[in-house]
Protein backbone atom coordinates (compact mmCIF):
# COMPACT_ATOMS: atom_id res chain seq x y z
CA UNK A 1 0.00 0.01 0.01
CA UNK A 2 1.36 3.40 -0.98
CA UNK A 3 1.80 5.74 1.99
CA UNK A 4 0.88 9.38 1.29
CA UNK A 5 2.75 11.78 3.59
CA UNK A 6 1.24 14.89 5.13
CA UNK A 7 3.15 18.14 5.58
CA UNK A 8 4.62 17.15 8.94
CA UNK A 9 5.73 13.78 7.63
CA UNK A 10 7.33 15.40 4.58
CA UNK A 11 9.35 17.63 6.92
CA UNK A 12 10.53 14.49 8.71
CA UNK A 13 11.53 12.94 5.40
CA UNK A 14 13.47 16.05 4.46
CA UNK A 15 15.57 15.88 7.63
CA UNK A 16 16.35 12.20 7.21
CA UNK A 17 17.31 12.65 3.59
CA UNK A 18 19.39 15.75 4.26
CA UNK A 19 21.53 13.77 6.71
CA UNK A 20 21.67 10.81 4.30
CA UNK A 21 22.92 13.07 1.49
CA UNK A 22 25.45 14.78 3.73
CA UNK A 23 26.80 11.41 4.84
CA UNK A 24 27.02 10.19 1.26
CA UNK A 25 28.92 13.25 0.11
CA UNK A 26 31.20 13.03 3.16
CA UNK A 27 31.99 9.42 2.30
CA UNK A 28 32.57 10.23 -1.36
CA UNK A 29 34.97 13.03 -0.49
CA UNK A 30 36.99 10.70 1.74
CA UNK A 31 37.50 7.84 -0.72
CA UNK A 32 41.24 7.22 -1.11
CA UNK A 33 43.23 4.57 -2.92
CA UNK A 34 44.68 2.20 -0.36
CA UNK A 35 41.81 2.35 2.12
CA UNK A 36 39.53 -0.61 2.72
CA UNK A 37 35.80 -0.52 2.17
CA UNK A 38 35.42 -1.23 5.92
CA UNK A 39 37.33 1.97 6.71
CA UNK A 40 35.11 3.95 4.34
CA UNK A 41 32.01 2.44 5.90
CA UNK A 42 33.23 3.41 9.40
CA UNK A 43 33.65 7.04 8.28
CA UNK A 44 30.06 7.13 7.07
CA UNK A 45 28.79 5.45 10.25
CA UNK A 46 30.60 7.96 12.47
CA UNK A 47 29.22 10.89 10.44
CA UNK A 48 25.60 9.73 10.73
CA UNK A 49 25.84 9.03 14.45
CA UNK A 50 27.68 12.29 15.15
CA UNK A 51 24.79 14.21 13.59
CA UNK A 52 22.08 12.45 15.53
CA UNK A 53 20.92 9.87 13.02
CA UNK A 54 20.67 6.10 13.00
CA UNK A 55 22.45 4.23 10.17
CA UNK A 56 19.34 2.58 8.72
CA UNK A 57 21.10 0.04 6.45
CA UNK A 58 22.96 -1.53 9.38
CA UNK A 59 21.11 -4.67 10.45
CA UNK A 60 18.36 -4.25 7.84
CA UNK A 61 17.47 -7.76 6.66
CA UNK A 62 20.74 -8.74 8.37
CA UNK A 63 23.02 -6.48 6.32
CA UNK A 64 26.20 -5.84 8.37
CA UNK A 65 27.27 -2.43 7.06
CA UNK A 66 26.27 1.22 7.26
CA UNK A 67 26.63 1.45 3.49
CA UNK A 68 26.61 -0.89 0.55
CA UNK A 69 30.03 -0.23 -1.01
CA UNK A 70 30.33 -1.80 -4.45
CA UNK A 71 33.43 -1.73 -6.66
CA UNK A 72 33.73 -2.08 -10.42
CA UNK A 73 31.69 -5.11 -11.53
CA UNK A 74 29.72 -5.19 -8.28
CA UNK A 75 26.35 -3.60 -9.03
CA UNK A 76 24.91 -3.27 -5.53
CA UNK A 77 24.99 -4.62 -1.95
CA UNK A 78 28.75 -4.84 -1.57
CA UNK A 79 29.53 -5.71 2.04
CA UNK A 80 32.18 -3.44 3.65
CA UNK A 81 35.28 -5.52 4.30
CA UNK A 82 38.75 -5.31 5.81
CA UNK A 83 39.91 -7.39 2.79
CA UNK A 84 38.62 -5.17 -0.07
CA UNK A 85 41.15 -2.43 -0.84
CA UNK A 86 40.19 0.50 -3.05
CA UNK A 87 42.72 1.02 -5.85
CA UNK A 88 43.43 3.79 -8.38
CA UNK A 89 41.12 3.53 -11.37
CA UNK A 90 38.34 1.77 -9.45
CA UNK A 91 34.75 2.98 -9.53
CA UNK A 92 33.11 2.87 -6.12
CA UNK A 93 29.35 2.95 -5.50
CA UNK A 94 28.18 4.06 -2.08
CA UNK A 95 24.54 3.42 -1.17
CA UNK A 96 23.61 4.57 2.33
CA UNK A 97 20.94 6.20 4.46
CA UNK A 98 20.01 7.54 7.84
CA UNK A 99 16.93 7.35 10.01
CA UNK A 100 15.93 10.51 11.87
CA UNK A 101 12.93 10.69 14.21
CA UNK A 102 11.36 7.61 12.64
CA UNK A 103 11.83 8.61 8.99
CA UNK A 104 14.25 7.06 6.49
CA UNK A 105 16.62 8.60 3.97
CA UNK A 106 18.24 6.72 1.07
CA UNK A 107 20.66 7.71 -1.69
CA UNK A 108 23.60 6.47 -3.78
CA UNK A 109 26.40 7.73 -5.98
CA UNK A 110 29.24 6.10 -7.89
CA UNK A 111 32.68 7.73 -7.71
CA UNK A 112 35.82 7.34 -9.76
CA UNK A 113 39.09 6.87 -7.86
CA UNK A 114 41.75 9.04 -9.49
CA UNK A 115 41.94 8.77 -13.27
CA UNK A 116 39.44 6.25 -14.57
CA UNK A 117 38.93 4.64 -17.94
CA UNK A 118 37.05 6.81 -20.47
CA UNK A 119 34.33 4.20 -20.94
CA UNK A 120 33.94 3.89 -17.17
CA UNK A 121 33.49 7.67 -16.97
CA UNK A 122 30.91 7.54 -19.74
CA UNK A 123 29.00 4.87 -17.82
CA UNK A 124 28.99 7.08 -14.73
CA UNK A 125 27.91 10.13 -16.71
CA UNK A 126 25.09 8.34 -18.50
CA UNK A 127 23.77 6.65 -15.36
CA UNK A 128 23.74 9.92 -13.45
CA UNK A 129 22.05 11.73 -16.31
CA UNK A 130 19.47 8.92 -16.51
CA UNK A 131 18.64 9.48 -12.83
CA UNK A 132 17.69 13.07 -13.59
CA UNK A 133 15.77 11.98 -16.72
CA UNK A 134 13.75 9.77 -14.41
CA UNK A 135 13.22 12.54 -11.89
CA UNK A 136 11.94 14.83 -14.67
CA UNK A 137 9.10 12.35 -15.19
CA UNK A 138 8.42 11.94 -11.46
CA UNK A 139 5.68 14.51 -11.20
CA UNK A 140 2.08 14.52 -10.06
CA UNK A 141 -0.20 13.08 -12.71
CA UNK A 142 2.45 10.94 -14.38
CA UNK A 143 2.82 7.21 -13.81
CA UNK A 144 5.63 5.00 -12.51
CA UNK A 145 6.15 3.64 -16.04
CA UNK A 146 7.04 7.14 -17.26
CA UNK A 147 10.01 7.14 -14.92
CA UNK A 148 11.22 3.70 -15.97
CA UNK A 149 10.80 4.48 -19.66
CA UNK A 150 12.87 7.65 -19.33
CA UNK A 151 15.73 5.85 -17.55
CA UNK A 152 15.68 2.80 -19.81
CA UNK A 153 15.49 4.61 -23.13
CA UNK A 154 18.29 7.03 -22.20
CA UNK A 155 20.69 4.28 -21.06
CA UNK A 156 19.94 1.86 -23.84
CA UNK A 157 20.32 4.60 -26.47
CA UNK A 158 23.82 5.08 -25.02
CA UNK A 159 24.62 1.39 -25.47
CA UNK A 160 24.24 0.29 -21.81
CA UNK A 161 21.82 -2.11 -20.18
CA UNK A 162 19.38 -1.86 -17.26
CA UNK A 163 19.28 -4.26 -14.33
CA UNK A 164 15.81 -5.83 -14.03
CA UNK A 165 15.99 -7.72 -10.73
CA UNK A 166 16.45 -4.66 -8.49
CA UNK A 167 14.42 -1.46 -8.58
CA UNK A 168 13.71 1.79 -6.83
CA UNK A 169 10.94 2.06 -4.24
CA UNK A 170 8.82 4.18 -1.98
CA UNK A 171 10.38 5.45 1.24
CA UNK A 172 9.05 6.68 4.52
CA UNK A 173 8.78 5.25 8.02
CA UNK A 174 10.00 2.09 6.37
CA UNK A 175 13.10 2.24 4.20
CA UNK A 176 11.42 0.17 1.50
CA UNK A 177 7.77 0.95 0.84
CA UNK A 178 5.38 0.66 -2.08
CA UNK A 179 5.46 1.34 -4.94
CA UNK A 180 8.29 -0.37 -6.73
CA UNK A 181 9.98 2.05 -9.16
CA UNK A 182 11.64 0.05 -11.97
CA UNK A 183 14.31 1.53 -14.20
CA UNK A 184 12.49 0.16 -17.23
CA UNK A 185 8.90 0.24 -18.40
CA UNK A 186 6.31 1.77 -20.65
CA UNK A 187 4.93 5.29 -20.71
CA UNK A 188 1.53 5.70 -19.12
CA UNK A 189 1.69 2.43 -17.17
CA UNK A 190 1.79 1.68 -13.47
CA UNK A 191 0.58 3.57 -10.39
CA UNK A 192 -0.20 7.24 -10.80
CA UNK A 193 2.02 9.71 -8.97
CA UNK A 194 0.18 11.95 -6.53
CA UNK A 195 1.27 14.69 -4.11
CA UNK A 196 2.61 13.30 -0.86
CA UNK A 197 4.34 10.28 -2.38
CA UNK A 198 8.02 9.85 -1.57
CA UNK A 199 10.03 7.63 -3.87
CA UNK A 200 13.66 6.61 -4.39
CA UNK A 201 14.71 6.52 -8.02
CA UNK A 202 17.93 4.57 -8.50
CA UNK A 203 19.27 3.54 -11.92
CA UNK A 204 21.51 0.46 -11.74
CA UNK A 205 23.21 0.31 -15.14
CA UNK A 206 25.61 -2.20 -16.68
CA UNK A 207 28.41 -1.54 -19.14
CA UNK A 208 27.54 -4.60 -21.20
CA UNK A 209 24.91 -7.27 -20.51
CA UNK A 210 22.45 -6.82 -17.65
CA UNK A 211 22.57 -10.44 -16.46
CA UNK A 212 23.59 -10.67 -12.81
CA UNK A 213 25.13 -13.14 -10.40
CA UNK A 214 24.78 -13.24 -6.62
CA UNK A 215 27.73 -14.09 -4.43
CA UNK A 216 27.70 -16.84 -1.79
CA UNK A 217 27.57 -14.18 0.94
CA UNK A 218 23.92 -13.72 0.01
CA UNK A 219 24.32 -9.99 -0.66
CA UNK A 220 26.89 -9.01 -3.25
CA UNK A 221 25.40 -8.66 -6.72
CA UNK A 222 27.79 -8.59 -9.68
CA UNK A 223 27.54 -8.41 -13.45
CA UNK A 224 27.68 -11.92 -14.84
CA UNK A 225 30.05 -10.93 -17.67
CA UNK A 226 32.45 -8.95 -15.47
CA UNK A 227 31.58 -5.59 -17.02
CA UNK A 228 31.39 -2.44 -14.93
CA UNK A 229 28.21 -1.18 -13.26
CA UNK A 230 27.09 2.17 -11.88
CA UNK A 231 24.42 3.15 -9.37
CA UNK A 232 22.96 6.58 -8.59
CA UNK A 233 19.96 7.37 -6.38
CA UNK A 234 17.90 10.27 -5.13
CA UNK A 235 14.93 10.20 -2.78
CA UNK A 236 12.20 12.54 -3.96
CA UNK A 237 8.94 14.04 -2.70
CA UNK A 238 6.10 14.40 -5.21
CA UNK A 239 4.43 17.75 -4.50
CA UNK A 240 1.45 19.45 -6.14
CA UNK A 241 3.41 21.77 -8.41
CA UNK A 242 6.92 20.29 -8.48
CA UNK A 243 9.08 17.41 -7.31
CA UNK A 244 11.60 18.00 -4.53
CA UNK A 245 14.91 16.13 -4.59
CA UNK A 246 15.32 15.57 -0.87
CA UNK A 247 18.87 14.16 -1.21
CA UNK A 248 20.13 16.96 -3.46
CA UNK A 249 23.08 17.79 -1.16
CA UNK A 250 25.26 14.96 -2.47
CA UNK A 251 25.22 16.49 -5.94
CA UNK A 252 25.55 20.12 -4.87
CA UNK A 253 29.13 21.33 -5.56
CA UNK A 254 28.67 24.17 -3.05
CA UNK A 255 27.55 21.91 -0.21
CA UNK A 256 30.20 21.18 2.42
CA UNK A 257 29.29 18.23 4.66
CA UNK A 258 31.79 19.45 7.24
CA UNK A 259 29.41 22.36 7.98
CA UNK A 260 26.27 20.24 8.04
CA UNK A 261 23.89 20.58 10.96
CA UNK A 262 20.59 18.71 11.34
CA UNK A 263 17.99 21.41 11.90
């Protein structure tokens, strides 16, 4: 069942997503070659807790980390590890969120470490642009399928492929709520978007084929062919006359997470 938020609940969602976005940007700014993904996860954990939030990924469905940290051919759900070392030329996806006063934030971004391959950079650029193409369609009166069609057509026109098994979702008092928000679909299909809905749009895009494989750890999802993958995500509030990107801080070049304060 889709949960429609009132004005007070939307304010709660804004706070949770502001902290989530600040934590994501803080993590992204502290990625260094030579560090482990566990060390990066700890930085994000400390940031969220310092600012009064609860790391809402940690323990969810048994997940052990504050963030899913996924390198190169890992699409999503990479478990932070003392054994995974970030190296120059890697691409690193961070997917994380915070809970504040009972509301959940959720966002993701893929970063290049130092100088990365030109095709890897193109994958990142296209996936990020596809996120905003989807958000353009996430407006009152449109349907979920309009979002998926926008993401899918943009990425496939660029020669990339769209993961089918994992999708975006509603957010709120639960991290994962209805409706599902696929990154593929048909225009004019699916649930209608109405004011008060809060949804996470998150393209997960593969360099080559979109077939996936799941590791024995039960979490880590990789491309089957070993190609690269990218993942970007914003949580959004559908309002009467516009759509608000509640996690906009992670993509704001003027935002400094060091000065962040949860108001």
